Structure formats: C-alpha cells, structure tokens
Amino acid sequence: MTSAGEITALLQRWSAGDRTAFDELLPLVYGDLHRIARDRMRHERPDHTLQTSALIHEAWLRMRRQDPVSWADRGHFYRLTARVMKQILIDYARGRASCKRGGPMAAVPLAEADLLDDARLDAALEIVAALDRLAELDHRKADVFEMRFFGGFDVIDTAQSLGVSKNTVVRDWDFACAWLRRELSRGASSGPA
C-alpha cells in the first residue's frame, strides 16, 4: 500500500527537476490514473477503440515532456492529470472537426481511436468553450465541473483535492451544470441565420 507521503515526496523531487522521481511515481499512481481515465471514457461512445490505458499513457507522455511543476499536493497532481486527459480528448475532437469541415488532417496521437461521432463532436467543443467562459467567472466552479465530468472524480475526492467541503462541491457542481446548460441553450438558439 502506497502512502500519500511517498507520492508527495516523489512529486517534490520531480518539482526539483529529478526525472527519476517521475518514473518512480507512475507505478504508485497508476491505479488512480486508471480510475480517472475509465471514468472519463464512460462519457464517450461505447464502441470506440481507445483503451483507458492508451489515454493514461498519452497523458503520462505529455506530462513527462512539460517543464517540472511546483506541486502543491497530490490532489494538484490528479487535477492536472485529469486536465491533460481532457485536453487529449479535445485535441482529438478538434482534429476530427477540422477533417469533417474539409480542413487538413490534424496530427493526433490517438488517431486510431474513434471517440466521438459527428453529432457529439460539435457539442463536446461547445461544452469546452462554455467551460472556459465559466472559468473566467468562477474558476473553482469550473474546476469542480472539470474534475467531476472530465476527470471522473466523485464528490469526496473533488472536495479533498480542492480543499473545500462536500456541500461546496455539490453546490458548485449544481451551479456549473445549470450555468453550462443555459450557455449551451443560448448557443443553440442563436444558431446559423
């Protein structure tokens, strides 16, 4: 059983530039990353070809390539990992949208995966754009939505990661969902003329 202290110590070493700490971290957090990826994949088409392990490995490779991060705690690590996984799926969706509209084929590392059908593709990109607008208004509410929807975090994990109460997470989640519904319905009602 891995202690939170071991993970935190490795994150601190990684922050200090020790790349071996990064490599030692993966076996300790793989189970949690698998849960996050599996929960995220539940939002995708049931017949897509992407495996949760492929999403984890792509996220891990992207994180390895970036500059060391000054980790606040392991919750910070899991939040960033969930964001990287979300970005992988968004990049894929944008690449598909470009191709669908006759643009050049975007280089997508997971090109063999068929994550979103065309009908859901535009909706996914609209959600991301609306979520960016919510983050400008209230970053924590956007974080709660991102962690729960894209990261598959439950209320308790989200509360612990953000350092807030479970009730705050529930209120933020309810607000974010209502706000996003309203924003997305505005976009649908103001469609092409």
N, C-alpha and C. Protein backbone atom coordinates (compact mmCIF):
# COMPACT_ATOMS: atom_id res chain seq x y z
N MET A 1 0.85 -1.18 0.00
CA MET A 1 0.00 0.00 0.00
C MET A 1 0.89 1.24 0.00
N THR A 2 0.64 2.14 -0.91
CA THR A 2 1.42 3.36 -1.05
C THR A 2 0.87 4.43 -0.13
N SER A 3 1.75 5.12 0.54
CA SER A 3 1.30 6.20 1.41
C SER A 3 1.26 7.50 0.63
N ALA A 4 0.38 8.40 1.09
CA ALA A 4 0.29 9.72 0.47
C ALA A 4 1.63 10.43 0.59
N GLY A 5 2.35 10.16 1.66
CA GLY A 5 3.66 10.77 1.87
C GLY A 5 4.66 10.39 0.80
N GLU A 6 4.64 9.11 0.37
CA GLU A 6 5.55 8.67 -0.68
C GLU A 6 5.27 9.42 -1.98
N ILE A 7 4.00 9.54 -2.31
CA ILE A 7 3.62 10.23 -3.54
C ILE A 7 4.04 11.69 -3.46
N THR A 8 3.76 12.33 -2.33
CA THR A 8 4.12 13.74 -2.16
C THR A 8 5.63 13.93 -2.26
N ALA A 9 6.39 13.04 -1.64
CA ALA A 9 7.86 13.14 -1.70
C ALA A 9 8.36 13.02 -3.14
N LEU A 10 7.79 12.10 -3.91
CA LEU A 10 8.19 11.96 -5.30
C LEU A 10 7.80 13.19 -6.11
N LEU A 11 6.62 13.74 -5.83
CA LEU A 11 6.20 14.96 -6.53
C LEU A 11 7.16 16.12 -6.23
N GLN A 12 7.60 16.21 -5.00
CA GLN A 12 8.54 17.27 -4.62
C GLN A 12 9.88 17.07 -5.33
N ARG A 13 10.35 15.82 -5.40
CA ARG A 13 11.59 15.55 -6.11
C ARG A 13 11.46 15.89 -7.59
N TRP A 14 10.31 15.55 -8.17
CA TRP A 14 10.05 15.85 -9.57
C TRP A 14 10.04 17.36 -9.79
N SER A 15 9.41 18.10 -8.87
CA SER A 15 9.38 19.57 -8.95
C SER A 15 10.79 20.14 -8.95
N ALA A 16 11.66 19.49 -8.21
CA ALA A 16 13.05 19.96 -8.12
C ALA A 16 13.88 19.57 -9.35
N GLY A 17 13.24 18.86 -10.31
CA GLY A 17 13.93 18.51 -11.55
C GLY A 17 14.45 17.10 -11.61
N ASP A 18 14.15 16.27 -10.62
CA ASP A 18 14.61 14.88 -10.60
C ASP A 18 13.68 14.03 -11.48
N ARG A 19 14.10 13.75 -12.71
CA ARG A 19 13.27 12.96 -13.65
C ARG A 19 13.10 11.51 -13.19
N THR A 20 14.01 10.98 -12.40
CA THR A 20 13.83 9.60 -11.92
C THR A 20 12.63 9.52 -10.99
N ALA A 21 12.34 10.60 -10.27
CA ALA A 21 11.17 10.61 -9.39
C ALA A 21 9.89 10.47 -10.21
N PHE A 22 9.87 11.10 -11.36
CA PHE A 22 8.71 10.99 -12.25
C PHE A 22 8.49 9.55 -12.65
N ASP A 23 9.57 8.86 -13.01
CA ASP A 23 9.46 7.46 -13.42
C ASP A 23 9.04 6.56 -12.26
N GLU A 24 9.49 6.88 -11.05
CA GLU A 24 9.12 6.10 -9.87
C GLU A 24 7.66 6.33 -9.47
N LEU A 25 7.11 7.46 -9.87
CA LEU A 25 5.75 7.83 -9.49
C LEU A 25 4.69 7.00 -10.19
N LEU A 26 4.89 6.69 -11.46
CA LEU A 26 3.86 6.01 -12.25
C LEU A 26 3.33 4.73 -11.60
N PRO A 27 4.17 3.81 -11.17
CA PRO A 27 3.61 2.59 -10.58
C PRO A 27 2.77 2.87 -9.32
N LEU A 28 3.08 3.94 -8.63
CA LEU A 28 2.36 4.25 -7.39
C LEU A 28 0.99 4.87 -7.64
N VAL A 29 0.84 5.57 -8.77
CA VAL A 29 -0.41 6.29 -9.03
C VAL A 29 -1.21 5.67 -10.18
N TYR A 30 -0.68 4.61 -10.78
CA TYR A 30 -1.32 4.05 -11.97
C TYR A 30 -2.77 3.64 -11.71
N GLY A 31 -3.04 3.04 -10.59
CA GLY A 31 -4.41 2.63 -10.28
C GLY A 31 -5.37 3.81 -10.24
N ASP A 32 -4.94 4.91 -9.61
CA ASP A 32 -5.77 6.11 -9.56
C ASP A 32 -5.95 6.71 -10.96
N LEU A 33 -4.88 6.73 -11.74
CA LEU A 33 -4.98 7.26 -13.09
C LEU A 33 -5.90 6.40 -13.95
N HIS A 34 -5.85 5.11 -13.75
CA HIS A 34 -6.73 4.21 -14.49
C HIS A 34 -8.19 4.50 -14.15
N ARG A 35 -8.48 4.73 -12.88
CA ARG A 35 -9.85 5.06 -12.47
C ARG A 35 -10.31 6.36 -13.11
N ILE A 36 -9.44 7.37 -13.11
CA ILE A 36 -9.79 8.66 -13.71
C ILE A 36 -10.07 8.49 -15.20
N ALA A 37 -9.18 7.77 -15.90
CA ALA A 37 -9.35 7.56 -17.34
C ALA A 37 -10.60 6.73 -17.63
N ARG A 38 -10.82 5.69 -16.84
CA ARG A 38 -12.01 4.85 -17.05
C ARG A 38 -13.28 5.66 -16.86
N ASP A 39 -13.32 6.47 -15.81
CA ASP A 39 -14.50 7.30 -15.58
C ASP A 39 -14.69 8.31 -16.70
N ARG A 40 -13.61 8.86 -17.20
CA ARG A 40 -13.70 9.81 -18.31
C ARG A 40 -14.21 9.13 -19.56
N MET A 41 -13.75 7.92 -19.80
CA MET A 41 -14.15 7.21 -21.01
C MET A 41 -15.61 6.81 -20.99
N ARG A 42 -16.22 6.77 -19.81
CA ARG A 42 -17.65 6.47 -19.73
C ARG A 42 -18.50 7.49 -20.47
N HIS A 43 -17.96 8.70 -20.67
CA HIS A 43 -18.69 9.75 -21.38
C HIS A 43 -18.57 9.62 -22.89
N GLU A 44 -17.76 8.69 -23.35
CA GLU A 44 -17.52 8.55 -24.78
C GLU A 44 -18.39 7.44 -25.36
N ARG A 45 -18.34 7.30 -26.68
CA ARG A 45 -19.12 6.26 -27.37
C ARG A 45 -18.73 4.89 -26.85
N PRO A 46 -19.71 4.01 -26.68
CA PRO A 46 -19.39 2.67 -26.17
C PRO A 46 -18.58 1.82 -27.14
N ASP A 47 -18.59 2.14 -28.42
CA ASP A 47 -17.88 1.31 -29.40
C ASP A 47 -16.55 1.91 -29.87
N HIS A 48 -16.02 2.92 -29.17
CA HIS A 48 -14.75 3.49 -29.62
C HIS A 48 -13.63 2.49 -29.36
N THR A 49 -12.50 2.71 -30.02
CA THR A 49 -11.40 1.74 -29.94
C THR A 49 -10.33 2.13 -28.94
N LEU A 50 -10.41 3.32 -28.36
CA LEU A 50 -9.40 3.76 -27.40
C LEU A 50 -9.55 3.00 -26.09
N GLN A 51 -8.47 2.48 -25.60
CA GLN A 51 -8.43 1.82 -24.31
C GLN A 51 -8.06 2.85 -23.25
N THR A 52 -8.53 2.64 -22.03
CA THR A 52 -8.19 3.57 -20.97
C THR A 52 -6.68 3.64 -20.77
N SER A 53 -6.00 2.52 -20.95
CA SER A 53 -4.55 2.53 -20.77
C SER A 53 -3.87 3.42 -21.80
N ALA A 54 -4.41 3.49 -23.02
CA ALA A 54 -3.83 4.37 -24.05
C ALA A 54 -3.98 5.83 -23.64
N LEU A 55 -5.12 6.19 -23.07
CA LEU A 55 -5.32 7.56 -22.60
C LEU A 55 -4.36 7.89 -21.47
N ILE A 56 -4.16 6.96 -20.55
CA ILE A 56 -3.22 7.16 -19.44
C ILE A 56 -1.81 7.37 -19.98
N HIS A 57 -1.39 6.52 -20.88
CA HIS A 57 -0.02 6.58 -21.39
C HIS A 57 0.22 7.86 -22.19
N GLU A 58 -0.76 8.27 -22.98
CA GLU A 58 -0.61 9.52 -23.72
C GLU A 58 -0.52 10.70 -22.76
N ALA A 59 -1.35 10.70 -21.72
CA ALA A 59 -1.30 11.77 -20.70
C ALA A 59 0.06 11.77 -20.01
N TRP A 60 0.53 10.59 -19.67
CA TRP A 60 1.82 10.48 -18.98
C TRP A 60 2.95 11.01 -19.86
N LEU A 61 2.92 10.69 -21.15
CA LEU A 61 3.95 11.18 -22.06
C LEU A 61 3.91 12.70 -22.17
N ARG A 62 2.71 13.26 -22.25
CA ARG A 62 2.60 14.73 -22.33
C ARG A 62 3.12 15.39 -21.06
N MET A 63 2.82 14.80 -19.91
CA MET A 63 3.29 15.38 -18.66
C MET A 63 4.80 15.27 -18.54
N ARG A 64 5.35 14.18 -19.05
CA ARG A 64 6.80 13.98 -18.98
C ARG A 64 7.53 15.03 -19.80
N ARG A 65 6.92 15.45 -20.92
CA ARG A 65 7.56 16.42 -21.82
C ARG A 65 7.50 17.85 -21.28
N GLN A 66 6.60 18.13 -20.37
CA GLN A 66 6.50 19.51 -19.89
C GLN A 66 7.52 19.80 -18.81
N ASP A 67 7.72 21.09 -18.55
CA ASP A 67 8.65 21.50 -17.51
C ASP A 67 8.15 21.04 -16.15
N PRO A 68 9.06 20.83 -15.20
CA PRO A 68 8.62 20.42 -13.86
C PRO A 68 7.63 21.42 -13.27
N VAL A 69 6.64 20.88 -12.59
CA VAL A 69 5.59 21.69 -11.97
C VAL A 69 5.87 21.77 -10.48
N SER A 70 5.57 22.88 -9.88
CA SER A 70 5.68 23.00 -8.43
C SER A 70 4.38 22.50 -7.83
N TRP A 71 4.39 21.24 -7.42
CA TRP A 71 3.17 20.58 -6.96
C TRP A 71 2.79 21.06 -5.56
N ALA A 72 1.54 21.45 -5.40
CA ALA A 72 1.03 21.83 -4.08
C ALA A 72 0.81 20.59 -3.23
N ASP A 73 0.26 19.54 -3.84
CA ASP A 73 -0.02 18.28 -3.16
C ASP A 73 -0.42 17.26 -4.21
N ARG A 74 -0.75 16.06 -3.76
CA ARG A 74 -1.10 15.03 -4.75
C ARG A 74 -2.44 15.32 -5.42
N GLY A 75 -3.34 16.06 -4.73
CA GLY A 75 -4.59 16.48 -5.35
C GLY A 75 -4.33 17.36 -6.57
N HIS A 76 -3.34 18.23 -6.45
CA HIS A 76 -2.93 19.09 -7.56
C HIS A 76 -2.46 18.23 -8.73
N PHE A 77 -1.70 17.19 -8.43
CA PHE A 77 -1.21 16.27 -9.46
C PHE A 77 -2.38 15.60 -10.18
N TYR A 78 -3.36 15.10 -9.42
CA TYR A 78 -4.50 14.42 -10.04
C TYR A 78 -5.36 15.38 -10.85
N ARG A 79 -5.51 16.62 -10.37
CA ARG A 79 -6.28 17.62 -11.13
C ARG A 79 -5.60 17.90 -12.47
N LEU A 80 -4.27 18.09 -12.44
CA LEU A 80 -3.57 18.38 -13.68
C LEU A 80 -3.62 17.18 -14.63
N THR A 81 -3.51 15.99 -14.08
CA THR A 81 -3.58 14.79 -14.92
C THR A 81 -4.94 14.68 -15.59
N ALA A 82 -6.01 14.97 -14.85
CA ALA A 82 -7.36 14.94 -15.43
C ALA A 82 -7.49 15.98 -16.54
N ARG A 83 -6.87 17.15 -16.35
CA ARG A 83 -6.90 18.19 -17.39
C ARG A 83 -6.15 17.75 -18.63
N VAL A 84 -5.02 17.09 -18.44
CA VAL A 84 -4.25 16.62 -19.59
C VAL A 84 -5.06 15.58 -20.35
N MET A 85 -5.74 14.68 -19.65
CA MET A 85 -6.58 13.68 -20.31
C MET A 85 -7.70 14.37 -21.08
N LYS A 86 -8.31 15.38 -20.47
CA LYS A 86 -9.36 16.13 -21.15
C LYS A 86 -8.79 16.77 -22.41
N GLN A 87 -7.60 17.35 -22.34
CA GLN A 87 -7.01 18.02 -23.48
C GLN A 87 -6.73 17.04 -24.62
N ILE A 88 -6.32 15.82 -24.28
CA ILE A 88 -6.09 14.80 -25.30
C ILE A 88 -7.38 14.54 -26.07
N LEU A 89 -8.47 14.39 -25.35
CA LEU A 89 -9.76 14.13 -25.98
C LEU A 89 -10.24 15.34 -26.79
N ILE A 90 -9.99 16.54 -26.29
CA ILE A 90 -10.36 17.76 -27.02
C ILE A 90 -9.53 17.88 -28.30
N ASP A 91 -8.23 17.63 -28.19
CA ASP A 91 -7.37 17.70 -29.37
C ASP A 91 -7.86 16.73 -30.44
N TYR A 92 -8.26 15.56 -30.02
CA TYR A 92 -8.77 14.59 -30.98
C TYR A 92 -10.05 15.10 -31.62
N ALA A 93 -10.96 15.64 -30.79
CA ALA A 93 -12.23 16.15 -31.32
C ALA A 93 -11.99 17.30 -32.29
N ARG A 94 -11.08 18.19 -31.96
CA ARG A 94 -10.78 19.31 -32.86
C ARG A 94 -10.18 18.82 -34.17
N GLY A 95 -9.33 17.81 -34.08
CA GLY A 95 -8.76 17.24 -35.29
C GLY A 95 -9.83 16.63 -36.18
N ARG A 96 -10.79 15.95 -35.57
CA ARG A 96 -11.90 15.38 -36.33
C ARG A 96 -12.76 16.47 -36.93
N ALA A 97 -12.99 17.55 -36.16
CA ALA A 97 -13.81 18.65 -36.67
C ALA A 97 -13.16 19.29 -37.88
N SER A 98 -11.84 19.45 -37.84
CA SER A 98 -11.12 20.04 -38.96
C SER A 98 -11.27 19.17 -40.20
N CYS A 99 -11.13 17.88 -40.04
CA CYS A 99 -11.27 16.96 -41.17
C CYS A 99 -12.70 16.96 -41.69
N LYS A 100 -13.65 16.97 -40.78
CA LYS A 100 -15.06 16.94 -41.15
C LYS A 100 -15.42 18.14 -42.01
N ARG A 101 -14.78 19.28 -41.72
CA ARG A 101 -15.09 20.51 -42.44
C ARG A 101 -14.18 20.72 -43.64
N GLY A 102 -13.41 19.70 -44.00
CA GLY A 102 -12.58 19.78 -45.19
C GLY A 102 -11.20 20.36 -44.95
N GLY A 103 -10.85 20.63 -43.70
CA GLY A 103 -9.54 21.18 -43.38
C GLY A 103 -8.49 20.10 -43.41
N PRO A 104 -7.25 20.49 -43.17
CA PRO A 104 -6.19 19.50 -43.18
C PRO A 104 -6.32 18.54 -42.00
N MET A 105 -5.85 17.35 -42.19
CA MET A 105 -5.87 16.35 -41.12
C MET A 105 -4.90 16.78 -40.04
N ALA A 106 -5.40 16.91 -38.81
CA ALA A 106 -4.54 17.29 -37.69
C ALA A 106 -3.81 16.06 -37.18
N ALA A 107 -2.57 16.26 -36.76
CA ALA A 107 -1.81 15.16 -36.18
C ALA A 107 -2.32 14.92 -34.77
N VAL A 108 -2.92 13.77 -34.56
CA VAL A 108 -3.47 13.42 -33.26
C VAL A 108 -2.84 12.11 -32.83
N PRO A 109 -2.21 12.07 -31.65
CA PRO A 109 -1.52 10.86 -31.24
C PRO A 109 -2.43 9.63 -31.17
N LEU A 110 -3.69 9.83 -30.90
CA LEU A 110 -4.60 8.71 -30.76
C LEU A 110 -5.50 8.59 -32.00
N ALA A 111 -4.92 8.79 -33.16
CA ALA A 111 -5.71 8.88 -34.39
C ALA A 111 -6.52 7.62 -34.68
N GLU A 112 -6.09 6.49 -34.15
CA GLU A 112 -6.82 5.27 -34.44
C GLU A 112 -8.10 5.16 -33.62
N ALA A 113 -8.28 6.02 -32.65
CA ALA A 113 -9.46 5.97 -31.79
C ALA A 113 -10.60 6.76 -32.40
N ASP A 114 -11.81 6.20 -32.31
CA ASP A 114 -12.99 6.87 -32.81
C ASP A 114 -13.83 7.27 -31.61
N LEU A 115 -13.49 8.40 -30.99
CA LEU A 115 -14.08 8.78 -29.71
C LEU A 115 -15.47 9.37 -29.83
N LEU A 116 -15.66 10.26 -30.78
CA LEU A 116 -16.91 10.98 -30.87
C LEU A 116 -17.49 10.85 -32.26
N ASP A 117 -18.80 10.62 -32.34
CA ASP A 117 -19.42 10.66 -33.65
C ASP A 117 -19.62 12.14 -34.01
N ASP A 118 -19.93 12.43 -35.26
CA ASP A 118 -20.02 13.81 -35.71
C ASP A 118 -21.07 14.61 -34.95
N ALA A 119 -22.17 13.98 -34.59
CA ALA A 119 -23.23 14.69 -33.88
C ALA A 119 -22.76 15.16 -32.50
N ARG A 120 -21.92 14.35 -31.84
CA ARG A 120 -21.44 14.71 -30.50
C ARG A 120 -20.19 15.56 -30.53
N LEU A 121 -19.52 15.60 -31.67
CA LEU A 121 -18.27 16.34 -31.79
C LEU A 121 -18.46 17.82 -31.52
N ASP A 122 -19.41 18.44 -32.22
CA ASP A 122 -19.64 19.88 -32.04
C ASP A 122 -20.09 20.17 -30.62
N ALA A 123 -20.93 19.32 -30.06
CA ALA A 123 -21.41 19.52 -28.69
C ALA A 123 -20.26 19.49 -27.70
N ALA A 124 -19.32 18.58 -27.88
CA ALA A 124 -18.18 18.49 -26.97
C ALA A 124 -17.34 19.76 -27.02
N LEU A 125 -17.12 20.28 -28.21
CA LEU A 125 -16.34 21.50 -28.35
C LEU A 125 -17.08 22.71 -27.77
N GLU A 126 -18.41 22.72 -27.90
CA GLU A 126 -19.21 23.80 -27.30
C GLU A 126 -19.12 23.76 -25.78
N ILE A 127 -19.13 22.55 -25.20
CA ILE A 127 -19.01 22.42 -23.75
C ILE A 127 -17.67 22.98 -23.28
N VAL A 128 -16.61 22.65 -24.00
CA VAL A 128 -15.28 23.13 -23.62
C VAL A 128 -15.23 24.66 -23.69
N ALA A 129 -15.77 25.24 -24.74
CA ALA A 129 -15.77 26.71 -24.87
C ALA A 129 -16.58 27.35 -23.74
N ALA A 130 -17.74 26.77 -23.43
CA ALA A 130 -18.57 27.31 -22.34
C ALA A 130 -17.85 27.15 -21.00
N LEU A 131 -17.16 26.05 -20.81
CA LEU A 131 -16.43 25.83 -19.57
C LEU A 131 -15.30 26.85 -19.41
N ASP A 132 -14.67 27.21 -20.50
CA ASP A 132 -13.65 28.27 -20.45
C ASP A 132 -14.26 29.59 -20.01
N ARG A 133 -15.48 29.89 -20.50
CA ARG A 133 -16.15 31.14 -20.08
C ARG A 133 -16.52 31.08 -18.60
N LEU A 134 -16.96 29.92 -18.13
CA LEU A 134 -17.27 29.77 -16.70
C LEU A 134 -16.02 29.99 -15.85
N ALA A 135 -14.89 29.48 -16.30
CA ALA A 135 -13.63 29.64 -15.55
C ALA A 135 -13.26 31.11 -15.40
N GLU A 136 -13.60 31.92 -16.40
CA GLU A 136 -13.33 33.36 -16.29
C GLU A 136 -14.18 33.99 -15.19
N LEU A 137 -15.39 33.45 -14.99
CA LEU A 137 -16.29 34.00 -13.96
C LEU A 137 -16.02 33.43 -12.58
N ASP A 138 -15.81 32.11 -12.52
CA ASP A 138 -15.61 31.44 -11.24
C ASP A 138 -14.77 30.19 -11.48
N HIS A 139 -13.50 30.33 -11.22
CA HIS A 139 -12.56 29.25 -11.54
C HIS A 139 -12.86 27.98 -10.76
N ARG A 140 -13.24 28.10 -9.46
CA ARG A 140 -13.48 26.91 -8.66
C ARG A 140 -14.66 26.10 -9.20
N LYS A 141 -15.72 26.78 -9.60
CA LYS A 141 -16.87 26.06 -10.14
C LYS A 141 -16.49 25.33 -11.43
N ALA A 142 -15.67 25.97 -12.24
CA ALA A 142 -15.20 25.32 -13.46
C ALA A 142 -14.31 24.12 -13.11
N ASP A 143 -13.46 24.27 -12.08
CA ASP A 143 -12.62 23.15 -11.64
C ASP A 143 -13.47 21.97 -11.17
N VAL A 144 -14.52 22.27 -10.40
CA VAL A 144 -15.39 21.21 -9.91
C VAL A 144 -16.01 20.47 -11.08
N PHE A 145 -16.54 21.21 -12.06
CA PHE A 145 -17.16 20.55 -13.22
C PHE A 145 -16.13 19.73 -13.97
N GLU A 146 -14.97 20.32 -14.21
CA GLU A 146 -13.91 19.63 -14.96
C GLU A 146 -13.48 18.34 -14.26
N MET A 147 -13.28 18.42 -12.95
CA MET A 147 -12.84 17.25 -12.21
C MET A 147 -13.90 16.15 -12.22
N ARG A 148 -15.16 16.54 -12.03
CA ARG A 148 -16.21 15.53 -11.96
C ARG A 148 -16.57 14.99 -13.34
N PHE A 149 -16.71 15.87 -14.33
CA PHE A 149 -17.14 15.43 -15.65
C PHE A 149 -16.00 14.81 -16.45
N PHE A 150 -14.89 15.54 -16.55
CA PHE A 150 -13.77 15.07 -17.36
C PHE A 150 -12.84 14.13 -16.60
N GLY A 151 -12.72 14.32 -15.29
CA GLY A 151 -11.79 13.52 -14.51
C GLY A 151 -12.43 12.33 -13.83
N GLY A 152 -13.76 12.30 -13.76
CA GLY A 152 -14.45 11.18 -13.12
C GLY A 152 -14.34 11.17 -11.61
N PHE A 153 -13.95 12.30 -11.01
CA PHE A 153 -13.83 12.37 -9.56
C PHE A 153 -15.22 12.33 -8.93
N ASP A 154 -15.33 11.70 -7.76
CA ASP A 154 -16.59 11.76 -7.02
C ASP A 154 -16.56 13.01 -6.14
N VAL A 155 -17.66 13.25 -5.41
CA VAL A 155 -17.78 14.46 -4.60
C VAL A 155 -16.68 14.52 -3.54
N ILE A 156 -16.43 13.41 -2.87
CA ILE A 156 -15.44 13.38 -1.80
C ILE A 156 -14.03 13.66 -2.33
N ASP A 157 -13.64 12.99 -3.41
CA ASP A 157 -12.32 13.22 -3.99
C ASP A 157 -12.16 14.66 -4.47
N THR A 158 -13.21 15.20 -5.06
CA THR A 158 -13.16 16.59 -5.54
C THR A 158 -12.99 17.54 -4.37
N ALA A 159 -13.75 17.32 -3.30
CA ALA A 159 -13.67 18.18 -2.12
C ALA A 159 -12.27 18.13 -1.52
N GLN A 160 -11.71 16.93 -1.39
CA GLN A 160 -10.38 16.79 -0.82
C GLN A 160 -9.33 17.46 -1.70
N SER A 161 -9.46 17.27 -3.00
CA SER A 161 -8.48 17.83 -3.92
C SER A 161 -8.50 19.35 -3.92
N LEU A 162 -9.69 19.94 -3.80
CA LEU A 162 -9.81 21.40 -3.83
C LEU A 162 -9.74 22.03 -2.45
N GLY A 163 -9.78 21.20 -1.40
CA GLY A 163 -9.72 21.73 -0.05
C GLY A 163 -10.99 22.46 0.37
N VAL A 164 -12.13 21.96 -0.08
CA VAL A 164 -13.42 22.54 0.28
C VAL A 164 -14.33 21.43 0.82
N SER A 165 -15.48 21.82 1.33
CA SER A 165 -16.41 20.83 1.88
C SER A 165 -17.16 20.10 0.76
N LYS A 166 -17.73 18.94 1.10
CA LYS A 166 -18.55 18.19 0.14
C LYS A 166 -19.75 19.03 -0.29
N ASN A 167 -20.35 19.76 0.67
CA ASN A 167 -21.50 20.60 0.33
C ASN A 167 -21.13 21.68 -0.68
N THR A 168 -19.94 22.24 -0.55
CA THR A 168 -19.48 23.25 -1.51
C THR A 168 -19.34 22.63 -2.89
N VAL A 169 -18.80 21.42 -2.96
CA VAL A 169 -18.66 20.74 -4.25
C VAL A 169 -20.04 20.51 -4.87
N VAL A 170 -21.00 20.05 -4.08
CA VAL A 170 -22.34 19.80 -4.59
C VAL A 170 -22.96 21.11 -5.12
N ARG A 171 -22.83 22.18 -4.35
CA ARG A 171 -23.38 23.48 -4.79
C ARG A 171 -22.68 23.96 -6.06
N ASP A 172 -21.34 23.86 -6.09
CA ASP A 172 -20.60 24.30 -7.27
C ASP A 172 -20.97 23.46 -8.49
N TRP A 173 -21.12 22.16 -8.30
CA TRP A 173 -21.50 21.25 -9.39
C TRP A 173 -22.87 21.63 -9.93
N ASP A 174 -23.84 21.82 -9.03
CA ASP A 174 -25.19 22.19 -9.45
C ASP A 174 -25.18 23.52 -10.21
N PHE A 175 -24.44 24.49 -9.68
CA PHE A 175 -24.35 25.79 -10.34
C PHE A 175 -23.72 25.64 -11.73
N ALA A 176 -22.59 24.94 -11.79
CA ALA A 176 -21.87 24.80 -13.06
C ALA A 176 -22.74 24.09 -14.10
N CYS A 177 -23.44 23.04 -13.70
CA CYS A 177 -24.31 22.32 -14.64
C CYS A 177 -25.41 23.24 -15.16
N ALA A 178 -26.06 23.98 -14.25
CA ALA A 178 -27.14 24.88 -14.66
C ALA A 178 -26.59 25.99 -15.57
N TRP A 179 -25.44 26.55 -15.19
CA TRP A 179 -24.84 27.62 -15.97
C TRP A 179 -24.48 27.13 -17.37
N LEU A 180 -23.87 25.96 -17.44
CA LEU A 180 -23.48 25.41 -18.73
C LEU A 180 -24.70 25.08 -19.59
N ARG A 181 -25.76 24.54 -18.98
CA ARG A 181 -26.99 24.27 -19.73
C ARG A 181 -27.52 25.56 -20.35
N ARG A 182 -27.54 26.62 -19.53
CA ARG A 182 -28.05 27.90 -20.02
C ARG A 182 -27.17 28.42 -21.16
N GLU A 183 -25.86 28.36 -20.99
CA GLU A 183 -24.95 28.84 -22.03
C GLU A 183 -25.11 28.04 -23.31
N LEU A 184 -25.22 26.73 -23.18
CA LEU A 184 -25.33 25.88 -24.36
C LEU A 184 -26.68 26.07 -25.05
N SER A 185 -27.73 26.33 -24.29
CA SER A 185 -29.04 26.56 -24.92
C SER A 185 -29.05 27.91 -25.64
N ARG A 186 -28.31 28.89 -25.13
CA ARG A 186 -28.19 30.18 -25.81
C ARG A 186 -27.51 29.99 -27.17
N GLY A 187 -26.46 29.18 -27.15
CA GLY A 187 -25.73 28.92 -28.40
C GLY A 187 -26.59 28.20 -29.41
N ALA A 188 -27.42 27.27 -28.93
CA ALA A 188 -28.29 26.51 -29.85
C ALA A 188 -29.39 27.41 -30.41
N SER A 189 -29.91 28.32 -29.56
CA SER A 189 -30.99 29.18 -30.02
C SER A 189 -30.51 30.29 -30.93
N SER A 190 -29.20 30.59 -30.88
CA SER A 190 -28.67 31.63 -31.75
C SER A 190 -27.87 31.03 -32.90
N GLY A 191 -28.27 29.85 -33.30
CA GLY A 191 -27.59 29.12 -34.38
C GLY A 191 -27.52 29.91 -35.65
N PRO A 192 -27.12 29.29 -36.75
CA PRO A 192 -26.93 29.99 -38.02
C PRO A 192 -28.22 30.62 -38.50
N ALA A 193 -28.09 31.78 -39.11
CA ALA A 193 -29.27 32.52 -39.60
C ALA A 193 -29.71 32.01 -40.93
